[in-house]
Amino acid sequence: MDVENKGTRLKPTILLFLLILHLFLSTLAKSSFTPHVNYLLDCGSSHPTQLTDGRTFKSDRETTSLLATAEDVQISLHSNLSPSVPSSLLPLYQTARVFQEESTYSFYISKTGRLWVRLYFFPLSNPSYNLTSAVFSVQTNHHVLLHEFSARNNDSPVFKEYLVNVSDTRFSLKFKPKKTSFAFINAIEVVSAPDALISNSATALSPLAEFKGLFNSALEVSYRINVGGPTITPDDDTLARTWETDGSYNIFPQGSETISVSKKGIKYPDIGVTPSIAPNLVYASAVHVKNATFMRPNFNLSWMVNVERSYSYLIRMHFCDILSRSLNQLYFNVYINGIEGVSALNLSSQTKALASAFYQDFVLNARDITNGSILVQVGPTNLPQGMTDAILNGFEVMKISNIADSLDGLYSVDGKYKGPCSKPMEMKILAYVGLALAVTAILLLVITCIRWKKRPQGWENHNRFSSCPLPVHSPISCSTKSSCRGSTASSSRKSNKHGNRVTPQGPKRFFPFSEMRQATNNFEEKRVIGVGGFGKVYLGTLKDGTKVAIKRGSGNSEQGINEFRTELEMLSKLRHRHLVSLIGFCDENSEMVLVYEYMANGPFRSHIYGFDLPCLSWQKRLEICIGAARGLYYLHTGAAQSITHRDVKTTNILLDENYEAKVSDFGLSKVVPDEAQVSTAVKGSFGYLDPEYYRSQQLTQKSDIYSFGVVLFEVLCARPVICPTRPTEEINLAEWAKKQHRRGLVNEIIDPRIAVTMNPQSLSVFVEIAERCLADCGVDRPSMGDVLWHLEYALRLQEAASRIDEAEDKRASIGTNEDLYFLRQS
């Protein structure tokens, strides 16, 4: 009886033990992955190399059978490596293998499927070979990984990581030097990846649909980012991956807040996500909206990464709700390049638990990458339930091979060009175009000679330059003899009747000069409301009572003529809420007149200093700066052609009756293609002029960014940008403001009239972006889109602080917390 009872008591114990063992083994199986294929090569090394993460790379002697080459050379380091080389990988970059001719590594694949291919390049210093001059291509069986690649920077290594799908038992890695050059490699990894790591399908964006075909594509890892957490090294990743921090990609770190939990608390569901997808360290940290209660509902957490425009990309986003205290509290939207990928994502419905890992894959088409970058965003929804918050734990960006099965260009493995037009066809087209141009040129020459011989007597007098009604500034030349004959009065009547000598693009109204005289009371001096290089600006009233600004140019000024043409051309094409609108023009005889909408509150500068006008609050100044930034952002990115203003300053930012800002004066503007440079004579206003543009005479959009940075500090400090009466160090506002900011004394340069009302966080964001605008090199300056975002964020911080102050005042007056509590919950 005792034995029977004892056995009965042991059964539950045994069952419990078996259950715990099963869970342990299941967890162990989930957290570990043993690759079937595992080739690690330290190229150029004469002995095996063991890394700190426990992996051992074989030497050349041990891998001789893998390489087919006519000639190769092993070289080693002859000086100290750059400090930028990670210490954990230092041994791999101390040797290299050099190939003078095409050479191929061939690997036996015991199980087909996805393979990691990791290539290590570092042009180490060697007296026999200048590795920075090497130019070569790298190919697999079916894909081009690198085309005419060169590692020209000997200060930092180049690490390339790929995922390729292999269906053969032999996998080749071919190095092809360019003619007269050579190839090199420091280390190679060819390692199995889990079958479930990359599925065949993902969510396609624009339009939202299912994307299929990833099995047949090669992928290049562009970014692998642990949001809100530390760098993750291969030691802590079962697939030996490296995850970098998100600090340099987070556009608005001031609006985000990190959160983390113990990695032991992260759960992986039974189906779908495993540690092979991402280690628990990724899911144990995240970024969410800081002070979410006071942020506007349309605020998004944003990360931006630079990519190549001509490729589609796989974006994998990792989520884990470590923020909520109970299920179904967190709903948020997911955006990629402004396209909504998921609306009201509820992690609870996906994982059925808190702190449970989840990921989602998206494919962004190449046509949706317009500015060479991908913007990853999460933001709160407008749903009444749940928290006003959003969360992101990590994301990966992978380039997808193109139509040529290439990850670097449009040449396929067989060397054929797979672009929109093949090379032979290109040559034929160029030949036909050249022939057509040559025939056209000959015909024009023959026609010119015939007309020259048949010219009438006295043609010189009929075509004198001075007899043309618009001798200098008319954009349209006289095309017939009769159009240049007759009196000035008759020409003027023709102009008044047809109004078509100047033909700007767009339906702009032509005004007779007589109407301009009447509108300004014969250009009465007391009606002058502004003066510029082009001429004076008058307040006018049209026949229907509409008030307008009338800019009268000087026909004697070559600058005035050019600015008239430029401004008329530009404003005829442009229309935006934050650009001053052109109503019409007058181009009679030597008179050049432009008619604009009237801006009742005049130049922004007048409201900052120098005039006895009411002081603008910090919040109103921010709103005006945002309006101007939106106008410039439209010029840079929204118009049919990218336009650089070239004369951004506070007198060219005008305010209407509602203090809404509009950018004006486009006389110096110039079309500058995105990310391009244009050689041009330096023009602009002293104190606002970009020093880099002044030195190089290369105009870019970043020249406007510098000028706008000066405007921002002018708004903050309420003083002229150049003030000769001040001490030497303070004469130039831009230089002085930068010095004071670096000294931590920015509070000493603020306009004292607004200093007390400014929220410190709002000020910090504003000053940070203003100083970035003033970077010495244009490439280090932000885009106008970045500037606009920072200004809008500074405004949100100021508005949030104002709401809190109002609530505190109200609480003090009624002696209760109810209103403040209601405000914070709304």
Foldseek 3Di string as FASTA:
>chain_A
DVVVVVVVVCVVVVVVVVVVVVVVVVQVVQQADDWPDKAKAQELDPAWDAFPLGDIHGYCVVQVVQKDAPDKDKDFAPDDAAPQEDPRCVVLAGIKMKHPFKMKGKDFAPDFFKKKKKFKFAQHDDPVDRQQPWFKWKAKPWETEAHRDGDNDNNHMDMKIKIAGDDDRMMMIMIGTDPPHIDMTRIIIITDADRQLDDQWAFEVDPTDIDGGQNHWMKIWDAWAFELAQWDALSQANVRDTHHYQVVFWLCVVQKDKDFDDLVPAAEDPPDDGSSNPNSRLLRMKIKTDLLLLFDQPDKGKTKDFADLQFKKKKKFKYAAPDDPDAPQDFKWKDKLNTTRDHRDGVCVVRVDHNYIDMHIYIYGSVSDDFRMMMIIMFADPDPGHDRMTITRIMIMMTIQDPQSYPYAQAIPVRWGDDPAGPVRVVVVVVVVVVVVVVVVVVVVVVVVVCVVVPDPPVCVLPPLVQALASPQQPADDDDSVNSDDDLVVNLVVCVVPVPSHPAAADADEDRVVQVCVFQVNVDPVQFPDADPQGTWGWGAGPVGAIKIKGKGFLVDPLNSLLLVQQRRVLRQDDDPQAWHWRHWYDGRSITMTITHDAVQAFQLCQLDDHPDDHDAPLLLLQQLLSNLVQQLCQQPVGPFRKAQLEDARNQWTHHPVGHTHGYRSSPMDGAHAPGWDQDDRDYDPLLAQPVCVVPSTDDNLRSLSSSLLRLLCNFQSDDQADVVDPPLPRHPLNNCLVCVVVVNNLVRGDVVHSVLADVVLVVLSSVLSNQSNDNDSVSHDHSVSNSVSSVVSSSVSVSVVVLVVLVVVCVVVVDCVSVVVSSND
